[in-house]
Amino acid sequence: MIKFLTITIFIFPLLAFAYCPVCVIGSSVLVIAGYELGVKKIVTGLLIGGLAVVVGDWLNNLIKKKFFKGQDLLVIVLTFIISYLPVKNWIADYTYLTLNISNYQKFLLIDKSLLAGILGGILVFIAPYISKWITKKRGKPILLQRVIITLVLLIIFGLILQFLF
């Protein structure tokens, strides 16, 4: 399964002719390396969420025509769902939250890897804004600045989740 996923991830960017294959390949390498190195499921969820948003953003750049308002967000959300659901059974990391409502206790089951995936998607989504801010402060961009920022954000938050949860 991992070999098929690796081959698919590395061949697909070459066939799609997208605008940022380095972002997709970098995020893909983090996901595969994290899974193979045995990092916690919550970190793998973070990386898959980041990868899903990178791919969704990539697909948005391939779609030249905008059919309706919010199309970009829909593509990113659908890409996230399509990326997360197939691996959900392998990376699911459930915990529960107890809610005291009147005289009853309600238990809410939460998938930590799904929440981490959403966080990973948010990190990838804000990376271009951080990149623009750095470019504005420096006056010029660093080579592969957006890719570096994306990967550094994912690695920093992955380390935080690995050691705190």
N, C-alpha and C. Protein backbone atom coordinates (compact mmCIF):
# COMPACT_ATOMS: atom_id res chain seq x y z
N MET A 1 0.82 -1.19 0.00
CA MET A 1 0.00 0.00 0.00
C MET A 1 0.87 1.26 0.00
N ILE A 2 1.89 1.27 0.87
CA ILE A 2 2.76 2.45 0.95
C ILE A 2 3.53 2.65 -0.36
N LYS A 3 3.98 1.54 -0.96
CA LYS A 3 4.72 1.66 -2.22
C LYS A 3 3.84 2.24 -3.32
N PHE A 4 2.58 1.78 -3.37
CA PHE A 4 1.64 2.30 -4.36
C PHE A 4 1.39 3.78 -4.13
N LEU A 5 1.20 4.16 -2.85
CA LEU A 5 0.95 5.55 -2.51
C LEU A 5 2.15 6.42 -2.88
N THR A 6 3.35 5.93 -2.60
CA THR A 6 4.56 6.68 -2.92
C THR A 6 4.70 6.88 -4.42
N ILE A 7 4.50 5.83 -5.18
CA ILE A 7 4.61 5.93 -6.64
C ILE A 7 3.55 6.89 -7.18
N THR A 8 2.33 6.80 -6.67
CA THR A 8 1.24 7.66 -7.12
C THR A 8 1.54 9.12 -6.81
N ILE A 9 2.04 9.39 -5.61
CA ILE A 9 2.30 10.76 -5.22
C ILE A 9 3.41 11.38 -6.06
N PHE A 10 4.44 10.60 -6.36
CA PHE A 10 5.55 11.16 -7.11
C PHE A 10 5.29 11.22 -8.61
N ILE A 11 4.44 10.39 -9.15
CA ILE A 11 4.14 10.43 -10.58
C ILE A 11 3.04 11.45 -10.87
N PHE A 12 2.03 11.55 -10.02
CA PHE A 12 0.90 12.44 -10.25
C PHE A 12 1.34 13.89 -10.46
N PRO A 13 2.23 14.46 -9.63
CA PRO A 13 2.63 15.84 -9.89
C PRO A 13 3.28 16.03 -11.24
N LEU A 14 3.99 15.05 -11.75
CA LEU A 14 4.62 15.18 -13.05
C LEU A 14 3.59 15.19 -14.18
N LEU A 15 2.50 14.48 -13.98
CA LEU A 15 1.48 14.41 -15.01
C LEU A 15 0.53 15.59 -14.98
N ALA A 16 0.39 16.25 -13.84
CA ALA A 16 -0.61 17.29 -13.70
C ALA A 16 -0.13 18.66 -14.19
N PHE A 17 1.19 18.87 -14.26
CA PHE A 17 1.76 20.14 -14.67
C PHE A 17 1.20 21.30 -13.84
N ALA A 18 1.17 21.12 -12.54
CA ALA A 18 0.62 22.14 -11.64
C ALA A 18 1.63 23.23 -11.38
N TYR A 19 1.20 24.24 -10.66
CA TYR A 19 2.07 25.39 -10.46
C TYR A 19 3.06 25.20 -9.34
N CYS A 20 2.83 24.28 -8.41
CA CYS A 20 3.76 24.12 -7.29
C CYS A 20 3.93 22.64 -6.92
N PRO A 21 4.55 21.85 -7.76
CA PRO A 21 4.75 20.44 -7.43
C PRO A 21 5.69 20.25 -6.26
N VAL A 22 6.57 21.21 -6.00
CA VAL A 22 7.50 21.08 -4.88
C VAL A 22 6.75 21.07 -3.54
N CYS A 23 5.70 21.89 -3.43
CA CYS A 23 4.88 21.89 -2.20
C CYS A 23 4.22 20.53 -2.00
N VAL A 24 3.67 20.00 -3.05
CA VAL A 24 2.97 18.71 -2.97
C VAL A 24 3.96 17.60 -2.64
N ILE A 25 5.09 17.58 -3.31
CA ILE A 25 6.09 16.53 -3.05
C ILE A 25 6.64 16.66 -1.64
N GLY A 26 6.92 17.88 -1.20
CA GLY A 26 7.43 18.08 0.16
C GLY A 26 6.45 17.62 1.21
N SER A 27 5.19 17.97 1.07
CA SER A 27 4.16 17.54 2.02
C SER A 27 3.97 16.03 1.96
N SER A 28 4.04 15.47 0.77
CA SER A 28 3.88 14.02 0.61
C SER A 28 5.02 13.27 1.30
N VAL A 29 6.22 13.77 1.15
CA VAL A 29 7.38 13.14 1.80
C VAL A 29 7.21 13.19 3.31
N LEU A 30 6.72 14.31 3.84
CA LEU A 30 6.50 14.40 5.29
C LEU A 30 5.48 13.37 5.76
N VAL A 31 4.39 13.20 5.01
CA VAL A 31 3.36 12.22 5.39
C VAL A 31 3.94 10.82 5.40
N ILE A 32 4.60 10.44 4.33
CA ILE A 32 5.14 9.08 4.21
C ILE A 32 6.24 8.84 5.24
N ALA A 33 7.14 9.81 5.39
CA ALA A 33 8.22 9.66 6.37
C ALA A 33 7.66 9.56 7.78
N GLY A 34 6.69 10.38 8.09
CA GLY A 34 6.08 10.32 9.40
C GLY A 34 5.42 8.98 9.68
N TYR A 35 4.71 8.48 8.71
CA TYR A 35 4.04 7.19 8.87
C TYR A 35 5.07 6.08 9.04
N GLU A 36 6.10 6.10 8.20
CA GLU A 36 7.12 5.04 8.25
C GLU A 36 7.97 5.11 9.50
N LEU A 37 8.21 6.31 10.03
CA LEU A 37 9.01 6.46 11.24
C LEU A 37 8.22 6.21 12.52
N GLY A 38 6.92 6.03 12.38
CA GLY A 38 6.10 5.69 13.53
C GLY A 38 5.71 6.86 14.41
N VAL A 39 5.56 8.03 13.82
CA VAL A 39 5.10 9.16 14.62
C VAL A 39 3.66 8.91 15.05
N LYS A 40 3.21 9.67 16.02
CA LYS A 40 1.85 9.48 16.54
C LYS A 40 0.82 9.75 15.45
N LYS A 41 -0.32 9.13 15.63
CA LYS A 41 -1.40 9.26 14.64
C LYS A 41 -1.86 10.70 14.50
N ILE A 42 -1.82 11.44 15.58
CA ILE A 42 -2.27 12.83 15.53
C ILE A 42 -1.35 13.65 14.61
N VAL A 43 -0.05 13.34 14.61
CA VAL A 43 0.89 14.05 13.73
C VAL A 43 0.66 13.65 12.28
N THR A 44 0.40 12.37 12.05
CA THR A 44 0.10 11.92 10.69
C THR A 44 -1.16 12.60 10.18
N GLY A 45 -2.15 12.77 11.04
CA GLY A 45 -3.36 13.51 10.67
C GLY A 45 -3.06 14.95 10.29
N LEU A 46 -2.17 15.60 11.06
CA LEU A 46 -1.76 16.97 10.75
C LEU A 46 -1.13 17.04 9.37
N LEU A 47 -0.24 16.10 9.08
CA LEU A 47 0.46 16.12 7.80
C LEU A 47 -0.48 15.80 6.63
N ILE A 48 -1.42 14.88 6.84
CA ILE A 48 -2.38 14.57 5.78
C ILE A 48 -3.29 15.76 5.52
N GLY A 49 -3.69 16.46 6.57
CA GLY A 49 -4.49 17.67 6.39
C GLY A 49 -3.75 18.73 5.61
N GLY A 50 -2.46 18.90 5.92
CA GLY A 50 -1.64 19.85 5.17
C GLY A 50 -1.51 19.45 3.72
N LEU A 51 -1.25 18.17 3.49
CA LEU A 51 -1.14 17.67 2.12
C LEU A 51 -2.44 17.87 1.35
N ALA A 52 -3.55 17.61 1.99
CA ALA A 52 -4.85 17.75 1.31
C ALA A 52 -5.10 19.18 0.87
N VAL A 53 -4.75 20.14 1.72
CA VAL A 53 -4.98 21.54 1.35
C VAL A 53 -4.00 21.98 0.26
N VAL A 54 -2.77 21.50 0.31
CA VAL A 54 -1.82 21.82 -0.76
C VAL A 54 -2.34 21.29 -2.10
N VAL A 55 -2.81 20.05 -2.10
CA VAL A 55 -3.33 19.47 -3.33
C VAL A 55 -4.59 20.21 -3.79
N GLY A 56 -5.46 20.57 -2.84
CA GLY A 56 -6.67 21.33 -3.19
C GLY A 56 -6.33 22.68 -3.80
N ASP A 57 -5.35 23.37 -3.22
CA ASP A 57 -4.91 24.65 -3.77
C ASP A 57 -4.30 24.47 -5.16
N TRP A 58 -3.58 23.39 -5.31
CA TRP A 58 -2.95 23.04 -6.58
C TRP A 58 -4.03 22.81 -7.65
N LEU A 59 -5.06 22.05 -7.28
CA LEU A 59 -6.15 21.79 -8.22
C LEU A 59 -6.89 23.07 -8.59
N ASN A 60 -7.04 23.98 -7.62
CA ASN A 60 -7.69 25.25 -7.91
C ASN A 60 -6.94 26.04 -8.98
N ASN A 61 -5.62 25.94 -8.98
CA ASN A 61 -4.84 26.63 -9.99
C ASN A 61 -4.94 25.97 -11.36
N LEU A 62 -5.30 24.69 -11.38
CA LEU A 62 -5.49 24.00 -12.65
C LEU A 62 -6.85 24.31 -13.27
N ILE A 63 -7.83 24.60 -12.44
CA ILE A 63 -9.18 24.90 -12.93
C ILE A 63 -9.20 26.37 -13.35
N LYS A 64 -9.27 26.61 -14.61
CA LYS A 64 -9.17 27.98 -15.14
C LYS A 64 -10.47 28.77 -15.00
N LYS A 65 -11.59 28.09 -15.09
CA LYS A 65 -12.87 28.78 -15.07
C LYS A 65 -13.52 28.63 -13.70
N LYS A 66 -14.02 29.73 -13.18
CA LYS A 66 -14.74 29.71 -11.91
C LYS A 66 -16.24 29.65 -12.23
N PHE A 67 -16.88 28.56 -11.79
CA PHE A 67 -18.28 28.33 -12.10
C PHE A 67 -19.22 28.97 -11.09
N PHE A 68 -18.77 29.13 -9.84
CA PHE A 68 -19.61 29.74 -8.81
C PHE A 68 -18.72 30.29 -7.70
N LYS A 69 -19.31 31.18 -6.89
CA LYS A 69 -18.58 31.77 -5.78
C LYS A 69 -18.34 30.68 -4.72
N GLY A 70 -17.16 30.62 -4.20
CA GLY A 70 -16.82 29.62 -3.20
C GLY A 70 -16.30 28.31 -3.78
N GLN A 71 -16.07 28.30 -5.10
CA GLN A 71 -15.59 27.09 -5.76
C GLN A 71 -14.23 26.66 -5.21
N ASP A 72 -13.34 27.63 -4.97
CA ASP A 72 -12.01 27.30 -4.46
C ASP A 72 -12.10 26.60 -3.10
N LEU A 73 -12.93 27.13 -2.22
CA LEU A 73 -13.09 26.52 -0.90
C LEU A 73 -13.70 25.13 -1.01
N LEU A 74 -14.67 24.96 -1.89
CA LEU A 74 -15.29 23.65 -2.08
C LEU A 74 -14.28 22.62 -2.58
N VAL A 75 -13.42 23.01 -3.51
CA VAL A 75 -12.40 22.10 -4.02
C VAL A 75 -11.46 21.69 -2.89
N ILE A 76 -11.05 22.64 -2.06
CA ILE A 76 -10.15 22.33 -0.95
C ILE A 76 -10.83 21.40 0.06
N VAL A 77 -12.09 21.68 0.41
CA VAL A 77 -12.81 20.83 1.37
C VAL A 77 -13.01 19.43 0.81
N LEU A 78 -13.40 19.32 -0.45
CA LEU A 78 -13.59 17.99 -1.05
C LEU A 78 -12.26 17.23 -1.15
N THR A 79 -11.19 17.92 -1.46
CA THR A 79 -9.88 17.28 -1.49
C THR A 79 -9.49 16.79 -0.11
N PHE A 80 -9.80 17.57 0.91
CA PHE A 80 -9.51 17.16 2.29
C PHE A 80 -10.29 15.88 2.63
N ILE A 81 -11.57 15.88 2.30
CA ILE A 81 -12.40 14.71 2.60
C ILE A 81 -11.92 13.48 1.83
N ILE A 82 -11.61 13.67 0.56
CA ILE A 82 -11.15 12.55 -0.26
C ILE A 82 -9.78 12.04 0.21
N SER A 83 -8.96 12.93 0.74
CA SER A 83 -7.64 12.52 1.23
C SER A 83 -7.71 11.85 2.59
N TYR A 84 -8.60 12.34 3.45
CA TYR A 84 -8.64 11.85 4.83
C TYR A 84 -9.42 10.54 4.97
N LEU A 85 -10.55 10.43 4.31
CA LEU A 85 -11.41 9.25 4.50
C LEU A 85 -10.74 7.92 4.19
N PRO A 86 -9.96 7.80 3.11
CA PRO A 86 -9.34 6.49 2.85
C PRO A 86 -8.35 6.03 3.92
N VAL A 87 -7.73 6.96 4.63
CA VAL A 87 -6.74 6.57 5.65
C VAL A 87 -7.27 6.70 7.06
N LYS A 88 -8.53 7.05 7.19
CA LYS A 88 -9.13 7.30 8.50
C LYS A 88 -8.97 6.11 9.45
N ASN A 89 -9.17 4.91 8.98
CA ASN A 89 -9.10 3.74 9.85
C ASN A 89 -7.69 3.49 10.38
N TRP A 90 -6.68 3.92 9.65
CA TRP A 90 -5.30 3.72 10.09
C TRP A 90 -4.82 4.79 11.06
N ILE A 91 -5.35 6.00 10.94
CA ILE A 91 -4.82 7.09 11.75
C ILE A 91 -5.81 7.63 12.78
N ALA A 92 -6.99 7.05 12.87
CA ALA A 92 -7.98 7.54 13.83
C ALA A 92 -7.42 7.43 15.25
N ASP A 93 -7.58 8.47 16.02
CA ASP A 93 -7.07 8.54 17.39
C ASP A 93 -8.17 9.23 18.22
N TYR A 94 -9.04 8.41 18.80
CA TYR A 94 -10.22 8.95 19.46
C TYR A 94 -9.97 9.26 20.93
N THR A 95 -10.63 10.28 21.38
CA THR A 95 -10.72 10.61 22.78
C THR A 95 -12.15 11.07 23.02
N TYR A 96 -12.50 11.27 24.25
CA TYR A 96 -13.87 11.70 24.51
C TYR A 96 -13.87 12.94 25.39
N LEU A 97 -14.96 13.66 25.29
CA LEU A 97 -15.18 14.87 26.07
C LEU A 97 -16.49 14.67 26.81
N THR A 98 -16.47 14.92 28.10
CA THR A 98 -17.67 14.76 28.92
C THR A 98 -18.37 16.10 29.05
N LEU A 99 -19.64 16.13 28.69
CA LEU A 99 -20.44 17.34 28.82
C LEU A 99 -21.49 17.11 29.90
N ASN A 100 -21.52 17.99 30.87
CA ASN A 100 -22.53 17.90 31.92
C ASN A 100 -23.68 18.82 31.56
N ILE A 101 -24.74 18.22 31.05
CA ILE A 101 -25.92 18.97 30.65
C ILE A 101 -27.03 18.60 31.62
N SER A 102 -27.49 19.60 32.38
CA SER A 102 -28.46 19.43 33.46
C SER A 102 -28.01 18.29 34.37
N ASN A 103 -28.80 17.25 34.56
CA ASN A 103 -28.43 16.14 35.44
C ASN A 103 -27.84 14.96 34.68
N TYR A 104 -27.58 15.13 33.40
CA TYR A 104 -27.09 14.04 32.58
C TYR A 104 -25.67 14.33 32.10
N GLN A 105 -24.94 13.26 31.92
CA GLN A 105 -23.62 13.40 31.33
C GLN A 105 -23.68 12.90 29.89
N LYS A 106 -23.20 13.72 29.00
CA LYS A 106 -23.12 13.35 27.59
C LYS A 106 -21.65 13.18 27.23
N PHE A 107 -21.37 12.14 26.47
CA PHE A 107 -20.01 11.89 26.02
C PHE A 107 -19.92 12.20 24.54
N LEU A 108 -18.94 12.98 24.20
CA LEU A 108 -18.72 13.37 22.82
C LEU A 108 -17.41 12.73 22.36
N LEU A 109 -17.48 11.90 21.33
CA LEU A 109 -16.31 11.22 20.80
C LEU A 109 -15.63 12.13 19.79
N ILE A 110 -14.33 12.35 19.96
CA ILE A 110 -13.58 13.28 19.13
C ILE A 110 -12.40 12.53 18.50
N ASP A 111 -12.22 12.71 17.21
CA ASP A 111 -11.07 12.14 16.50
C ASP A 111 -9.97 13.19 16.49
N LYS A 112 -8.93 12.98 17.32
CA LYS A 112 -7.84 13.95 17.42
C LYS A 112 -7.08 14.10 16.10
N SER A 113 -6.97 13.02 15.35
CA SER A 113 -6.23 13.12 14.08
C SER A 113 -7.02 13.96 13.06
N LEU A 114 -8.33 13.91 13.11
CA LEU A 114 -9.14 14.75 12.23
C LEU A 114 -8.97 16.23 12.59
N LEU A 115 -9.00 16.53 13.88
CA LEU A 115 -8.80 17.91 14.32
C LEU A 115 -7.39 18.39 13.95
N ALA A 116 -6.40 17.51 14.10
CA ALA A 116 -5.04 17.86 13.72
C ALA A 116 -4.95 18.07 12.21
N GLY A 117 -5.70 17.27 11.43
CA GLY A 117 -5.74 17.44 9.98
C GLY A 117 -6.29 18.79 9.59
N ILE A 118 -7.32 19.21 10.29
CA ILE A 118 -7.89 20.54 10.03
C ILE A 118 -6.86 21.62 10.38
N LEU A 119 -6.14 21.43 11.50
CA LEU A 119 -5.07 22.36 11.86
C LEU A 119 -3.99 22.39 10.78
N GLY A 120 -3.60 21.23 10.28
CA GLY A 120 -2.61 21.17 9.20
C GLY A 120 -3.08 21.92 7.97
N GLY A 121 -4.36 21.78 7.65
CA GLY A 121 -4.92 22.52 6.52
C GLY A 121 -4.89 24.01 6.74
N ILE A 122 -5.18 24.44 7.97
CA ILE A 122 -5.14 25.88 8.29
C ILE A 122 -3.71 26.40 8.19
N LEU A 123 -2.75 25.61 8.67
CA LEU A 123 -1.34 26.04 8.59
C LEU A 123 -0.91 26.23 7.15
N VAL A 124 -1.27 25.30 6.29
CA VAL A 124 -0.91 25.41 4.87
C VAL A 124 -1.64 26.58 4.23
N PHE A 125 -2.86 26.83 4.67
CA PHE A 125 -3.65 27.93 4.12
C PHE A 125 -3.04 29.29 4.48
N ILE A 126 -2.48 29.42 5.70
CA ILE A 126 -1.92 30.72 6.11
C ILE A 126 -0.46 30.91 5.68
N ALA A 127 0.19 29.85 5.22
CA ALA A 127 1.60 29.94 4.81
C ALA A 127 1.85 31.01 3.74
N PRO A 128 1.00 31.15 2.71
CA PRO A 128 1.25 32.20 1.72
C PRO A 128 1.18 33.62 2.30
N TYR A 129 0.32 33.81 3.29
CA TYR A 129 0.21 35.13 3.91
C TYR A 129 1.47 35.45 4.72
N ILE A 130 2.01 34.43 5.40
CA ILE A 130 3.28 34.61 6.11
C ILE A 130 4.39 34.89 5.11
N SER A 131 4.37 34.18 3.99
CA SER A 131 5.37 34.39 2.95
C SER A 131 5.31 35.82 2.40
N LYS A 132 4.11 36.32 2.15
CA LYS A 132 3.96 37.69 1.66
C LYS A 132 4.46 38.69 2.69
N TRP A 133 4.19 38.42 3.95
CA TRP A 133 4.63 39.31 5.02
C TRP A 133 6.16 39.36 5.08
N ILE A 134 6.80 38.19 4.97
CA ILE A 134 8.27 38.13 5.00
C ILE A 134 8.84 38.85 3.78
N THR A 135 8.23 38.65 2.62
CA THR A 135 8.69 39.34 1.41
C THR A 135 8.57 40.85 1.56
N LYS A 136 7.49 41.29 2.16
CA LYS A 136 7.27 42.72 2.37
C LYS A 136 8.34 43.29 3.31
N LYS A 137 8.66 42.55 4.37
CA LYS A 137 9.65 43.01 5.34
C LYS A 137 11.07 43.01 4.74
N ARG A 138 11.42 41.98 3.98
CA ARG A 138 12.76 41.85 3.40
C ARG A 138 12.91 42.66 2.11
N GLY A 139 11.82 42.89 1.42
CA GLY A 139 11.90 43.57 0.13
C GLY A 139 12.02 42.61 -1.04
N LYS A 140 12.38 41.36 -0.78
CA LYS A 140 12.47 40.34 -1.83
C LYS A 140 12.27 38.97 -1.18
N PRO A 141 11.79 38.00 -1.98
CA PRO A 141 11.56 36.66 -1.40
C PRO A 141 12.85 35.84 -1.34
N ILE A 142 12.83 34.85 -0.46
CA ILE A 142 13.90 33.86 -0.37
C ILE A 142 13.57 32.77 -1.39
N LEU A 143 14.58 32.11 -1.94
CA LEU A 143 14.36 31.03 -2.88
C LEU A 143 13.48 29.94 -2.23
N LEU A 144 12.40 29.54 -2.88
CA LEU A 144 11.44 28.54 -2.38
C LEU A 144 10.87 28.91 -1.02
N GLN A 145 10.65 30.18 -0.81
CA GLN A 145 10.19 30.69 0.49
C GLN A 145 8.86 30.08 0.93
N ARG A 146 7.89 30.04 0.04
CA ARG A 146 6.57 29.51 0.42
C ARG A 146 6.65 28.04 0.80
N VAL A 147 7.44 27.27 0.07
CA VAL A 147 7.61 25.85 0.36
C VAL A 147 8.28 25.68 1.72
N ILE A 148 9.32 26.46 1.96
CA ILE A 148 10.04 26.37 3.23
C ILE A 148 9.12 26.72 4.39
N ILE A 149 8.36 27.78 4.25
CA ILE A 149 7.44 28.19 5.33
C ILE A 149 6.40 27.11 5.59
N THR A 150 5.83 26.55 4.52
CA THR A 150 4.83 25.49 4.67
C THR A 150 5.41 24.30 5.42
N LEU A 151 6.56 23.82 4.99
CA LEU A 151 7.17 22.66 5.62
C LEU A 151 7.61 22.94 7.05
N VAL A 152 8.15 24.12 7.30
CA VAL A 152 8.57 24.47 8.66
C VAL A 152 7.36 24.54 9.60
N LEU A 153 6.27 25.14 9.14
CA LEU A 153 5.06 25.18 9.97
C LEU A 153 4.57 23.77 10.31
N LEU A 154 4.52 22.90 9.30
CA LEU A 154 4.06 21.53 9.54
C LEU A 154 5.01 20.77 10.48
N ILE A 155 6.29 20.97 10.32
CA ILE A 155 7.26 20.27 11.17
C ILE A 155 7.18 20.79 12.61
N ILE A 156 7.11 22.10 12.80
CA ILE A 156 7.04 22.66 14.16
C ILE A 156 5.79 22.18 14.87
N PHE A 157 4.64 22.30 14.22
CA PHE A 157 3.41 21.86 14.87
C PHE A 157 3.36 20.34 15.02
N GLY A 158 3.97 19.61 14.09
CA GLY A 158 4.06 18.17 14.23
C GLY A 158 4.88 17.78 15.46
N LEU A 159 5.99 18.47 15.69
CA LEU A 159 6.80 18.21 16.88
C LEU A 159 6.05 18.56 18.17
N ILE A 160 5.32 19.66 18.13
CA ILE A 160 4.52 20.05 19.30
C ILE A 160 3.49 18.96 19.61
N LEU A 161 2.77 18.51 18.60
CA LEU A 161 1.75 17.48 18.81
C LEU A 161 2.38 16.15 19.23
N GLN A 162 3.55 15.82 18.66
CA GLN A 162 4.21 14.56 18.98
C GLN A 162 4.59 14.49 20.46
N PHE A 163 5.07 15.59 21.00
CA PHE A 163 5.58 15.55 22.37
C PHE A 163 4.59 16.04 23.43
N LEU A 164 3.53 16.73 23.03
CA LEU A 164 2.56 17.21 24.02
C LEU A 164 1.30 16.34 24.11
N PHE A 165 1.01 15.57 23.07
CA PHE A 165 -0.21 14.77 23.11
C PHE A 165 0.15 13.32 23.05
